[in-house]
Amino acid sequence: MVYDLVFYAVLIIVCVYVLPNFVIQRTIVDGASMENTLHNGEQLYVEKVSYHFDALDRFDIIVFYPYGRENEEYYVKRIIGLPGETVQIIGTDIYINEELLEEHYGKEAMESPGRAAEPVTLGEDEYFVLGDNRNISKDSRSEEVGNVKKENIGGKVVLRIAPLSKFGTVK
């Protein structure tokens, strides 16, 4: 009887405190920078553990804190460049290490390459991110955001939970 009570108390603590603070977090999309993939107001689950042990992949969608973790403002963007790579945008094309990147996530052709008009080499703990709605997105092309350090990544988007009509994994 006491064992059952302790077991359920620990289970409740894990579900109420540990999971939302350290494992998975509900996040709301704020703005149109990820359209047509994600829309303003949609709710997501962000997984906060695995990227510490396993590398993030190109095209993963992440939540990060552009001004450091001490600031609550977060962005939701897609990873384009990985640690150690060189990213450059020429016209509407993205090049990784001077090779054309085949990707079709952009909502429309980019109007501005920003700081990626010149080659941008990423450090060993840095990522280059873009919003899918490239012409309104504040992302790694901006000097203000720049390369995203791994320490400022909050997690990887794994599931859209609302609206229910769009429930499921996000690609």
C-alpha atoms as a PDB file:
ATOM      1  CA  MET A   1       0.000   0.000   0.000  1.00  0.00           C
ATOM      2  CA  VAL A   2       2.741   2.515   0.959  1.00  0.00           C
ATOM      3  CA  TYR A   3       4.811   1.390  -2.027  1.00  0.00           C
ATOM      4  CA  ASP A   4       1.880   2.112  -4.374  1.00  0.00           C
ATOM      5  CA  LEU A   5       1.374   5.539  -2.837  1.00  0.00           C
ATOM      6  CA  VAL A   6       5.065   6.435  -3.242  1.00  0.00           C
ATOM      7  CA  PHE A   7       5.082   5.089  -6.807  1.00  0.00           C
ATOM      8  CA  TYR A   8       2.088   7.214  -7.830  1.00  0.00           C
ATOM      9  CA  ALA A   9       3.471  10.292  -6.065  1.00  0.00           C
ATOM     10  CA  VAL A  10       6.751   9.951  -7.983  1.00  0.00           C
ATOM     11  CA  LEU A  11       4.836   9.371 -11.227  1.00  0.00           C
ATOM     12  CA  ILE A  12       2.795  12.534 -10.676  1.00  0.00           C
ATOM     13  CA  ILE A  13       5.944  14.569  -9.948  1.00  0.00           C
ATOM     14  CA  VAL A  14       7.563  13.258 -13.129  1.00  0.00           C
ATOM     15  CA  CYS A  15       4.489  14.067 -15.228  1.00  0.00           C
ATOM     16  CA  VAL A  16       3.859  17.493 -13.730  1.00  0.00           C
ATOM     17  CA  TYR A  17       7.398  18.793 -13.223  1.00  0.00           C
ATOM     18  CA  VAL A  18      10.117  16.765 -14.935  1.00  0.00           C
ATOM     19  CA  LEU A  19       8.501  16.179 -18.346  1.00  0.00           C
ATOM     20  CA  PRO A  20       7.470  19.786 -19.107  1.00  0.00           C
ATOM     21  CA  ASN A  21      10.645  21.324 -17.697  1.00  0.00           C
ATOM     22  CA  PHE A  22      13.287  18.943 -18.980  1.00  0.00           C
ATOM     23  CA  VAL A  23      11.896  16.574 -21.629  1.00  0.00           C
ATOM     24  CA  ILE A  24       9.050  18.037 -23.666  1.00  0.00           C
ATOM     25  CA  GLN A  25       7.503  21.488 -23.874  1.00  0.00           C
ATOM     26  CA  ARG A  26       4.399  22.919 -25.501  1.00  0.00           C
ATOM     27  CA  THR A  27       5.219  25.903 -27.715  1.00  0.00           C
ATOM     28  CA  ILE A  28       2.991  28.241 -29.707  1.00  0.00           C
ATOM     29  CA  VAL A  29       4.007  29.503 -33.157  1.00  0.00           C
ATOM     30  CA  ASP A  30       4.122  33.297 -33.058  1.00  0.00           C
ATOM     31  CA  GLY A  31       4.025  34.926 -36.478  1.00  0.00           C
ATOM     32  CA  ALA A  32       4.086  33.870 -40.120  1.00  0.00           C
ATOM     33  CA  SER A  33       7.817  33.235 -40.644  1.00  0.00           C
ATOM     34  CA  MET A  34       7.370  29.452 -40.995  1.00  0.00           C
ATOM     35  CA  GLU A  35       4.388  29.481 -43.373  1.00  0.00           C
ATOM     36  CA  ASN A  36       3.377  27.315 -45.225  1.00  0.00           C
ATOM     37  CA  THR A  37       4.721  24.638 -42.883  1.00  0.00           C
ATOM     38  CA  LEU A  38       3.587  26.184 -39.592  1.00  0.00           C
ATOM     39  CA  HIS A  39       1.026  28.927 -39.034  1.00  0.00           C
ATOM     40  CA  ASN A  40       0.538  31.591 -36.387  1.00  0.00           C
ATOM     41  CA  GLY A  41      -1.114  30.191 -33.265  1.00  0.00           C
ATOM     42  CA  GLU A  42      -0.413  26.528 -33.961  1.00  0.00           C
ATOM     43  CA  GLN A  43       0.704  24.558 -30.927  1.00  0.00           C
ATOM     44  CA  LEU A  44       3.745  22.293 -31.020  1.00  0.00           C
ATOM     45  CA  TYR A  45       5.540  19.823 -28.795  1.00  0.00           C
ATOM     46  CA  VAL A  46       9.264  20.448 -28.624  1.00  0.00           C
ATOM     47  CA  GLU A  47      11.527  17.607 -27.491  1.00  0.00           C
ATOM     48  CA  LYS A  48      14.352  18.993 -25.333  1.00  0.00           C
ATOM     49  CA  VAL A  49      16.727  16.065 -24.671  1.00  0.00           C
ATOM     50  CA  SER A  50      17.931  14.062 -27.677  1.00  0.00           C
ATOM     51  CA  TYR A  51      19.790  16.871 -29.467  1.00  0.00           C
ATOM     52  CA  HIS A  52      22.224  16.989 -26.538  1.00  0.00           C
ATOM     53  CA  PHE A  53      23.318  13.428 -27.359  1.00  0.00           C
ATOM     54  CA  ASP A  54      22.616  13.125 -31.077  1.00  0.00           C
ATOM     55  CA  ALA A  55      23.282  15.683 -33.786  1.00  0.00           C
ATOM     56  CA  LEU A  56      20.478  17.767 -35.192  1.00  0.00           C
ATOM     57  CA  ASP A  57      19.885  17.179 -38.896  1.00  0.00           C
ATOM     58  CA  ARG A  58      19.521  19.511 -41.839  1.00  0.00           C
ATOM     59  CA  PHE A  59      15.871  20.554 -42.253  1.00  0.00           C
ATOM     60  CA  ASP A  60      14.950  19.800 -38.608  1.00  0.00           C
ATOM     61  CA  ILE A  61      12.684  22.496 -37.184  1.00  0.00           C
ATOM     62  CA  ILE A  62      13.952  23.876 -33.886  1.00  0.00           C
ATOM     63  CA  VAL A  63      13.019  26.353 -31.200  1.00  0.00           C
ATOM     64  CA  PHE A  64      15.877  28.625 -30.146  1.00  0.00           C
ATOM     65  CA  TYR A  65      16.515  31.732 -28.092  1.00  0.00           C
ATOM     66  CA  PRO A  66      18.142  34.317 -30.401  1.00  0.00           C
ATOM     67  CA  TYR A  67      19.130  36.594 -27.541  1.00  0.00           C
ATOM     68  CA  GLY A  68      20.258  33.868 -25.120  1.00  0.00           C
ATOM     69  CA  ARG A  69      18.358  31.564 -22.784  1.00  0.00           C
ATOM     70  CA  GLU A  70      17.986  34.267 -20.132  1.00  0.00           C
ATOM     71  CA  ASN A  71      15.600  36.057 -22.532  1.00  0.00           C
ATOM     72  CA  GLU A  72      12.184  34.404 -22.953  1.00  0.00           C
ATOM     73  CA  GLU A  73      11.795  35.356 -26.624  1.00  0.00           C
ATOM     74  CA  TYR A  74      12.078  32.315 -28.879  1.00  0.00           C
ATOM     75  CA  TYR A  75      12.007  31.669 -32.626  1.00  0.00           C
ATOM     76  CA  VAL A  76      10.898  28.600 -34.567  1.00  0.00           C
ATOM     77  CA  LYS A  77      13.047  27.997 -37.679  1.00  0.00           C
ATOM     78  CA  ARG A  78      14.410  25.275 -39.967  1.00  0.00           C
ATOM     79  CA  ILE A  79      18.068  24.173 -39.831  1.00  0.00           C
ATOM     80  CA  ILE A  80      19.827  24.755 -43.151  1.00  0.00           C
ATOM     81  CA  GLY A  81      23.533  24.776 -42.240  1.00  0.00           C
ATOM     82  CA  LEU A  82      25.269  22.385 -39.848  1.00  0.00           C
ATOM     83  CA  PRO A  83      28.353  22.893 -37.650  1.00  0.00           C
ATOM     84  CA  GLY A  84      31.558  23.372 -39.636  1.00  0.00           C
ATOM     85  CA  GLU A  85      29.783  24.058 -42.942  1.00  0.00           C
ATOM     86  CA  THR A  86      29.956  27.196 -45.068  1.00  0.00           C
ATOM     87  CA  VAL A  87      26.630  28.666 -46.196  1.00  0.00           C
ATOM     88  CA  GLN A  88      26.157  31.184 -48.996  1.00  0.00           C
ATOM     89  CA  ILE A  89      23.043  32.453 -50.750  1.00  0.00           C
ATOM     90  CA  ILE A  90      23.447  33.487 -54.379  1.00  0.00           C
ATOM     91  CA  GLY A  91      20.282  34.844 -55.931  1.00  0.00           C
ATOM     92  CA  THR A  92      17.586  32.497 -54.674  1.00  0.00           C
ATOM     93  CA  ASP A  93      19.884  29.479 -54.324  1.00  0.00           C
ATOM     94  CA  ILE A  94      21.448  28.213 -51.107  1.00  0.00           C
ATOM     95  CA  TYR A  95      24.926  26.705 -51.267  1.00  0.00           C
ATOM     96  CA  ILE A  96      26.475  24.506 -48.589  1.00  0.00           C
ATOM     97  CA  ASN A  97      30.251  24.143 -48.963  1.00  0.00           C
ATOM     98  CA  GLU A  98      29.866  25.469 -52.546  1.00  0.00           C
ATOM     99  CA  GLU A  99      27.318  22.735 -53.444  1.00  0.00           C
ATOM    100  CA  LEU A 100      23.763  23.722 -54.394  1.00  0.00           C
ATOM    101  CA  LEU A 101      21.333  22.667 -51.665  1.00  0.00           C
ATOM    102  CA  GLU A 102      18.256  20.876 -52.983  1.00  0.00           C
ATOM    103  CA  GLU A 103      15.388  22.037 -50.787  1.00  0.00           C
ATOM    104  CA  HIS A 104      11.811  23.063 -51.368  1.00  0.00           C
ATOM    105  CA  TYR A 105      10.726  24.492 -48.032  1.00  0.00           C
ATOM    106  CA  GLY A 106      10.815  28.166 -48.965  1.00  0.00           C
ATOM    107  CA  LYS A 107       7.366  29.655 -49.517  1.00  0.00           C
ATOM    108  CA  GLU A 108       8.697  31.891 -52.285  1.00  0.00           C
ATOM    109  CA  ALA A 109      11.998  33.009 -53.773  1.00  0.00           C
ATOM    110  CA  MET A 110      14.228  34.926 -51.359  1.00  0.00           C
ATOM    111  CA  GLU A 111      14.476  38.647 -51.973  1.00  0.00           C
ATOM    112  CA  SER A 112      17.527  39.172 -49.758  1.00  0.00           C
ATOM    113  CA  PRO A 113      20.423  36.890 -48.854  1.00  0.00           C
ATOM    114  CA  GLY A 114      21.352  39.199 -45.977  1.00  0.00           C
ATOM    115  CA  ARG A 115      24.753  38.464 -44.469  1.00  0.00           C
ATOM    116  CA  ALA A 116      24.834  35.136 -46.404  1.00  0.00           C
ATOM    117  CA  ALA A 117      25.508  37.054 -49.629  1.00  0.00           C
ATOM    118  CA  GLU A 118      29.096  36.368 -48.558  1.00  0.00           C
ATOM    119  CA  PRO A 119      30.139  32.904 -47.330  1.00  0.00           C
ATOM    120  CA  VAL A 120      29.224  32.276 -43.675  1.00  0.00           C
ATOM    121  CA  THR A 121      31.328  29.593 -41.984  1.00  0.00           C
ATOM    122  CA  LEU A 122      29.707  27.966 -38.968  1.00  0.00           C
ATOM    123  CA  GLY A 123      31.595  27.112 -35.796  1.00  0.00           C
ATOM    124  CA  GLU A 124      31.614  23.622 -34.302  1.00  0.00           C
ATOM    125  CA  ASP A 125      28.546  24.404 -32.179  1.00  0.00           C
ATOM    126  CA  GLU A 126      26.642  26.659 -34.614  1.00  0.00           C
ATOM    127  CA  TYR A 127      23.717  26.237 -36.991  1.00  0.00           C
ATOM    128  CA  PHE A 128      22.360  28.394 -39.824  1.00  0.00           C
ATOM    129  CA  VAL A 129      18.554  28.615 -39.741  1.00  0.00           C
ATOM    130  CA  LEU A 130      15.920  30.026 -42.074  1.00  0.00           C
ATOM    131  CA  GLY A 131      12.199  30.536 -41.810  1.00  0.00           C
ATOM    132  CA  ASP A 132      10.168  28.858 -44.555  1.00  0.00           C
ATOM    133  CA  ASN A 133       8.488  32.197 -45.334  1.00  0.00           C
ATOM    134  CA  ARG A 134      11.874  33.605 -46.259  1.00  0.00           C
ATOM    135  CA  ASN A 135      10.896  37.163 -47.164  1.00  0.00           C
ATOM    136  CA  ILE A 136       9.445  38.025 -43.761  1.00  0.00           C
ATOM    137  CA  SER A 137      11.600  35.796 -41.557  1.00  0.00           C
ATOM    138  CA  LYS A 138      14.182  37.188 -39.157  1.00  0.00           C
ATOM    139  CA  ASP A 139      16.734  34.370 -39.199  1.00  0.00           C
ATOM    140  CA  SER A 140      20.452  33.617 -39.619  1.00  0.00           C
ATOM    141  CA  ARG A 141      20.651  35.988 -42.600  1.00  0.00           C
ATOM    142  CA  SER A 142      20.182  38.840 -40.141  1.00  0.00           C
ATOM    143  CA  GLU A 143      23.141  40.265 -38.214  1.00  0.00           C
ATOM    144  CA  GLU A 144      20.799  40.533 -35.232  1.00  0.00           C
ATOM    145  CA  VAL A 145      20.164  36.766 -35.140  1.00  0.00           C
ATOM    146  CA  GLY A 146      23.232  35.350 -36.865  1.00  0.00           C
ATOM    147  CA  ASN A 147      24.437  31.807 -36.347  1.00  0.00           C
ATOM    148  CA  VAL A 148      22.548  29.854 -33.693  1.00  0.00           C
ATOM    149  CA  LYS A 149      24.741  28.393 -30.970  1.00  0.00           C
ATOM    150  CA  LYS A 150      23.770  24.935 -29.735  1.00  0.00           C
ATOM    151  CA  GLU A 151      23.557  26.258 -26.159  1.00  0.00           C
ATOM    152  CA  ASN A 152      20.700  28.572 -27.261  1.00  0.00           C
ATOM    153  CA  ILE A 153      18.619  25.793 -28.811  1.00  0.00           C
ATOM    154  CA  GLY A 154      15.579  24.900 -26.740  1.00  0.00           C
ATOM    155  CA  GLY A 155      14.658  21.757 -28.627  1.00  0.00           C
ATOM    156  CA  LYS A 156      13.469  20.053 -31.781  1.00  0.00           C
ATOM    157  CA  VAL A 157       9.853  20.300 -32.937  1.00  0.00           C
ATOM    158  CA  VAL A 158       8.396  16.791 -32.972  1.00  0.00           C
ATOM    159  CA  LEU A 159       4.619  17.170 -33.089  1.00  0.00           C
ATOM    160  CA  ARG A 160       1.899  19.660 -34.000  1.00  0.00           C
ATOM    161  CA  ILE A 161      -0.881  19.273 -31.425  1.00  0.00           C
ATOM    162  CA  ALA A 162      -3.265  22.040 -32.458  1.00  0.00           C
ATOM    163  CA  PRO A 163      -5.295  22.656 -34.408  1.00  0.00           C
ATOM    164  CA  LEU A 164      -6.480  19.064 -34.189  1.00  0.00           C
ATOM    165  CA  SER A 165      -7.177  19.017 -37.932  1.00  0.00           C
ATOM    166  CA  LYS A 166      -3.395  19.261 -38.466  1.00  0.00           C
ATOM    167  CA  PHE A 167      -2.331  16.996 -35.583  1.00  0.00           C
ATOM    168  CA  GLY A 168       0.805  15.006 -36.373  1.00  0.00           C
ATOM    169  CA  THR A 169       4.511  15.159 -37.061  1.00  0.00           C
ATOM    170  CA  VAL A 170       5.999  18.233 -38.705  1.00  0.00           C
ATOM    171  CA  LYS A 171       8.376  18.014 -41.665  1.00  0.00           C
END
